[in-house]
N, C-alpha and C. Protein backbone atom coordinates (compact mmCIF):
# COMPACT_ATOMS: atom_id res chain seq x y z
N LEU A 1 71.13 24.77 -50.12
CA LEU A 1 71.06 26.01 -49.78
C LEU A 1 69.65 26.17 -48.56
N GLY A 2 68.93 25.57 -48.67
CA GLY A 2 67.76 24.96 -47.41
C GLY A 2 68.34 24.76 -45.88
N LEU A 3 69.70 23.91 -46.69
CA LEU A 3 69.76 23.44 -45.07
C LEU A 3 71.08 24.89 -44.51
N SER A 4 71.91 25.81 -45.15
CA SER A 4 72.12 26.59 -44.86
C SER A 4 71.45 27.59 -44.50
N ARG A 5 70.03 28.33 -44.52
CA ARG A 5 68.88 29.20 -44.10
C ARG A 5 68.92 28.28 -43.35
N GLN A 6 68.23 27.11 -42.63
CA GLN A 6 68.25 26.50 -41.48
C GLN A 6 69.41 26.80 -40.37
N ARG A 7 70.15 26.79 -40.99
CA ARG A 7 71.48 27.05 -40.23
C ARG A 7 71.26 28.50 -39.80
N GLU A 8 71.53 29.72 -39.90
CA GLU A 8 71.09 30.97 -40.03
C GLU A 8 70.15 30.64 -39.26
N TYR A 9 68.48 30.08 -38.81
CA TYR A 9 67.94 30.33 -38.31
C TYR A 9 68.42 29.60 -36.74
N SER A 10 69.40 28.70 -36.35
CA SER A 10 69.98 27.80 -35.80
C SER A 10 70.69 28.89 -34.98
N ALA A 11 71.25 29.68 -35.98
CA ALA A 11 72.29 30.48 -35.30
C ALA A 11 71.50 31.75 -34.90
N ASP A 12 70.32 32.81 -34.94
CA ASP A 12 69.75 33.59 -34.32
C ASP A 12 69.25 32.93 -33.48
N GLU A 13 68.76 31.45 -33.75
CA GLU A 13 67.96 31.20 -31.92
C GLU A 13 68.79 31.31 -30.44
N THR A 14 69.92 30.72 -31.47
CA THR A 14 71.57 30.10 -29.95
C THR A 14 71.79 31.36 -29.61
N GLY A 15 71.95 32.79 -30.87
CA GLY A 15 72.44 33.96 -30.15
C GLY A 15 71.65 34.44 -29.37
N ALA A 16 70.39 34.66 -29.30
CA ALA A 16 69.15 35.20 -28.56
C ALA A 16 69.20 34.70 -27.12
N ARG A 17 69.26 32.93 -27.09
CA ARG A 17 69.26 32.36 -26.43
C ARG A 17 70.58 32.58 -24.98
N MET A 18 71.59 33.09 -25.68
CA MET A 18 72.72 33.30 -24.93
C MET A 18 72.81 34.40 -24.45
N VAL A 19 72.26 35.13 -24.85
CA VAL A 19 71.94 37.01 -23.96
C VAL A 19 70.75 36.69 -23.39
N GLY A 20 69.35 36.18 -23.36
CA GLY A 20 68.18 36.05 -22.76
C GLY A 20 67.56 36.71 -23.44
N GLN A 21 67.38 37.02 -24.58
CA GLN A 21 66.46 37.11 -24.95
C GLN A 21 66.70 38.23 -26.84
N PRO A 22 65.75 37.74 -27.43
CA PRO A 22 65.71 38.22 -28.57
C PRO A 22 66.70 39.71 -29.37
N TYR A 23 65.76 40.83 -28.59
CA TYR A 23 65.22 41.94 -28.90
C TYR A 23 66.94 42.81 -29.31
N GLY A 24 68.27 42.49 -29.03
CA GLY A 24 69.34 43.06 -28.87
C GLY A 24 69.75 42.54 -30.93
N LEU A 25 68.73 41.24 -30.79
CA LEU A 25 69.55 40.65 -32.43
C LEU A 25 68.52 41.49 -33.48
N ILE A 26 66.81 41.12 -32.83
CA ILE A 26 65.50 41.40 -33.54
C ILE A 26 66.26 43.45 -34.26
N SER A 27 66.60 44.13 -33.61
CA SER A 27 67.51 45.82 -33.07
C SER A 27 68.41 45.92 -34.18
N ALA A 28 69.78 44.88 -33.78
CA ALA A 28 71.18 44.51 -34.96
C ALA A 28 70.36 43.74 -36.37
N LEU A 29 69.98 43.72 -36.80
CA LEU A 29 69.08 43.49 -38.01
C LEU A 29 69.26 44.32 -38.92
N GLN A 30 67.57 44.80 -38.03
CA GLN A 30 66.66 45.46 -38.93
C GLN A 30 67.41 47.03 -39.04
N LYS A 31 68.55 47.49 -38.40
CA LYS A 31 70.04 48.20 -39.19
C LYS A 31 70.97 47.27 -39.59
N LEU A 32 71.09 46.85 -39.98
CA LEU A 32 72.10 46.10 -40.43
C LEU A 32 70.91 46.29 -41.80
N GLY A 33 69.52 46.04 -41.70
CA GLY A 33 69.33 45.82 -43.43
C GLY A 33 68.51 47.33 -43.75
N ALA A 34 68.99 48.13 -42.86
CA ALA A 34 68.93 49.52 -42.72
C ALA A 34 70.16 50.05 -43.76
N TYR A 35 71.14 49.74 -43.09
CA TYR A 35 72.24 50.40 -43.48
C TYR A 35 72.58 49.67 -45.22
N ASN A 36 71.57 48.14 -45.47
CA ASN A 36 72.43 47.22 -46.19
C ASN A 36 71.36 47.72 -47.48
N GLN A 37 70.22 49.17 -47.31
CA GLN A 37 70.16 49.73 -48.45
C GLN A 37 70.47 51.04 -48.61
N ARG A 38 71.37 51.97 -47.89
CA ARG A 38 72.07 52.32 -48.29
C ARG A 38 73.41 51.90 -49.05
N ILE A 39 73.86 50.74 -49.36
CA ILE A 39 75.24 50.32 -50.15
C ILE A 39 74.52 50.74 -51.70
N PRO A 40 75.45 50.76 -52.16
CA PRO A 40 75.55 50.70 -53.95
C PRO A 40 75.38 50.03 -53.85
N THR A 41 75.07 49.19 -55.14
CA THR A 41 75.13 47.56 -55.77
C THR A 41 76.27 47.35 -56.51
N THR A 42 76.52 48.74 -56.89
CA THR A 42 77.37 48.93 -58.13
C THR A 42 79.00 48.82 -57.34
N ALA A 43 78.31 49.25 -55.63
CA ALA A 43 79.85 48.91 -55.06
C ALA A 43 80.36 47.10 -54.92
N LEU A 44 79.27 46.44 -54.89
CA LEU A 44 79.27 45.06 -54.64
C LEU A 44 79.34 43.61 -56.11
N SER A 45 80.03 43.26 -55.82
CA SER A 45 79.73 42.10 -56.76
C SER A 45 79.20 40.32 -56.33
N PRO A 46 78.51 39.99 -57.19
CA PRO A 46 78.01 38.44 -56.65
C PRO A 46 78.99 38.38 -55.66
N SER A 47 80.19 37.94 -55.90
CA SER A 47 81.72 37.17 -54.59
C SER A 47 81.64 37.94 -53.91
N THR A 48 81.64 38.91 -53.83
CA THR A 48 82.10 39.95 -51.88
C THR A 48 80.21 39.87 -51.79
N SER A 49 79.15 39.53 -52.30
CA SER A 49 78.29 40.24 -51.66
C SER A 49 77.43 38.74 -50.32
N ALA A 50 78.60 37.64 -50.73
CA ALA A 50 78.19 36.53 -50.53
C ALA A 50 79.14 36.70 -48.85
N LEU A 51 79.58 37.80 -48.94
CA LEU A 51 79.81 37.57 -47.02
C LEU A 51 79.56 38.50 -46.49
N CYS A 52 78.97 38.86 -47.05
CA CYS A 52 77.76 39.75 -46.45
C CYS A 52 77.05 39.04 -44.78
N ILE A 53 76.07 39.49 -44.08
CA ILE A 53 75.25 39.29 -42.96
C ILE A 53 73.89 39.14 -43.74
N VAL A 54 73.47 40.12 -44.10
CA VAL A 54 72.03 40.38 -45.04
C VAL A 54 72.54 40.61 -46.27
N LYS A 55 72.25 39.44 -47.26
CA LYS A 55 72.23 39.86 -49.13
C LYS A 55 72.14 40.92 -49.46
N PRO A 56 72.38 41.78 -50.49
CA PRO A 56 72.38 42.92 -51.42
C PRO A 56 71.67 42.69 -52.16
N LEU A 57 72.10 42.03 -52.98
CA LEU A 57 72.38 42.41 -54.47
C LEU A 57 71.32 40.94 -54.77
N PHE A 58 70.80 40.01 -53.73
CA PHE A 58 69.04 39.20 -53.79
C PHE A 58 67.86 40.10 -53.84
N GLY A 59 67.31 39.67 -54.65
CA GLY A 59 66.09 40.65 -54.82
C GLY A 59 64.96 40.65 -53.35
N SER A 60 63.57 40.32 -53.42
CA SER A 60 62.67 39.59 -52.39
C SER A 60 61.59 38.07 -53.53
N GLY A 61 62.38 38.45 -54.65
CA GLY A 61 61.29 37.37 -55.93
C GLY A 61 61.43 35.72 -54.96
N THR A 62 60.98 34.77 -55.64
CA THR A 62 60.22 33.77 -55.62
C THR A 62 61.61 32.72 -55.87
N LEU A 63 62.28 33.39 -57.27
CA LEU A 63 63.54 32.65 -57.89
C LEU A 63 64.87 33.44 -56.87
N SER A 64 65.33 34.84 -56.61
CA SER A 64 65.97 34.92 -56.19
C SER A 64 66.34 33.70 -54.25
N SER A 65 64.77 33.96 -53.58
CA SER A 65 65.44 32.48 -52.74
C SER A 65 65.29 31.78 -52.87
N LEU A 66 65.35 31.19 -53.52
CA LEU A 66 65.54 29.51 -54.33
C LEU A 66 67.64 29.50 -54.07
N PHE A 67 68.51 30.42 -54.12
CA PHE A 67 69.58 30.53 -54.40
C PHE A 67 70.13 31.08 -53.08
N SER A 68 69.38 31.80 -52.70
CA SER A 68 70.01 33.01 -50.82
C SER A 68 70.56 32.16 -50.01
N THR A 69 71.43 31.88 -49.80
CA THR A 69 71.84 31.29 -48.72
C THR A 69 71.05 31.18 -47.04
N HIS A 70 70.99 32.59 -47.40
CA HIS A 70 70.15 33.57 -45.85
C HIS A 70 68.68 33.78 -46.10
N PRO A 71 67.95 33.24 -44.57
CA PRO A 71 66.89 33.60 -45.12
C PRO A 71 66.55 35.07 -45.50
N PRO A 72 65.03 35.56 -45.06
CA PRO A 72 64.66 36.64 -45.72
C PRO A 72 65.35 37.38 -44.83
N LEU A 73 65.55 38.19 -44.74
CA LEU A 73 65.37 39.00 -43.29
C LEU A 73 64.17 38.99 -42.37
N GLU A 74 62.81 39.18 -43.07
CA GLU A 74 61.68 39.98 -42.19
C GLU A 74 61.61 38.32 -41.89
N ALA A 75 62.01 37.36 -42.35
CA ALA A 75 61.38 36.08 -42.30
C ALA A 75 62.86 35.73 -40.23
N ARG A 76 63.45 36.10 -40.77
CA ARG A 76 64.54 36.00 -39.61
C ARG A 76 64.08 36.65 -38.62
N ILE A 77 63.64 37.66 -38.25
CA ILE A 77 63.08 38.88 -37.35
C ILE A 77 61.98 38.70 -36.77
N GLN A 78 60.92 37.64 -37.73
CA GLN A 78 59.52 37.40 -37.36
C GLN A 78 59.80 36.51 -36.03
N ALA A 79 60.39 35.03 -37.23
CA ALA A 79 61.15 34.46 -35.88
C ALA A 79 62.14 34.17 -34.29
N LEU A 80 62.01 35.10 -34.77
CA LEU A 80 62.76 36.14 -32.87
C LEU A 80 61.93 36.13 -32.39
N ARG A 81 61.12 37.07 -33.17
CA ARG A 81 60.19 37.64 -32.05
C ARG A 81 59.24 36.93 -31.88
N GLU A 82 59.21 35.55 -32.46
CA GLU A 82 57.63 34.13 -32.21
C GLU A 82 58.95 33.25 -30.66
N MET A 83 60.48 33.36 -30.48
CA MET A 83 61.05 32.83 -30.07
C MET A 83 60.25 33.06 -27.98
N THR A 84 60.85 31.97 -27.56
CA THR A 84 60.32 32.09 -25.92
C THR A 84 61.43 32.14 -25.94
N VAL A 85 61.93 32.68 -24.91
CA VAL A 85 64.12 32.72 -24.60
C VAL A 85 63.72 32.35 -23.55
N THR A 86 64.51 31.00 -22.68
CA THR A 86 65.34 30.94 -21.05
C THR A 86 66.78 30.97 -21.92
N PRO A 87 67.47 32.13 -20.98
CA PRO A 87 68.68 32.23 -20.56
C PRO A 87 69.57 30.67 -21.15
N GLN A 88 70.49 30.31 -21.17
CA GLN A 88 70.68 29.07 -21.15
C GLN A 88 72.29 29.14 -19.88
N ARG A 89 72.31 28.07 -19.16
CA ARG A 89 73.34 27.95 -18.09
C ARG A 89 74.63 27.20 -18.31
């Protein structure tokens, strides 16, 4: 699962570098996180929640983070904010 989380960070970094700055991706992740808060958890099962970009059924505790395939949204946004982005050619 750690490898999966590292791939998410790599995907975020690659996307930010392709567009030349991380702010669009940060904004998109923030919007997904806000929308995620409005989804009733009764509408999702653990099998369908795996298809979501932002995990709706995982809490923020240590135990839940052990089984999450994605890094916490806040950590992804922080990593993007810390990037010095140079556009790829």
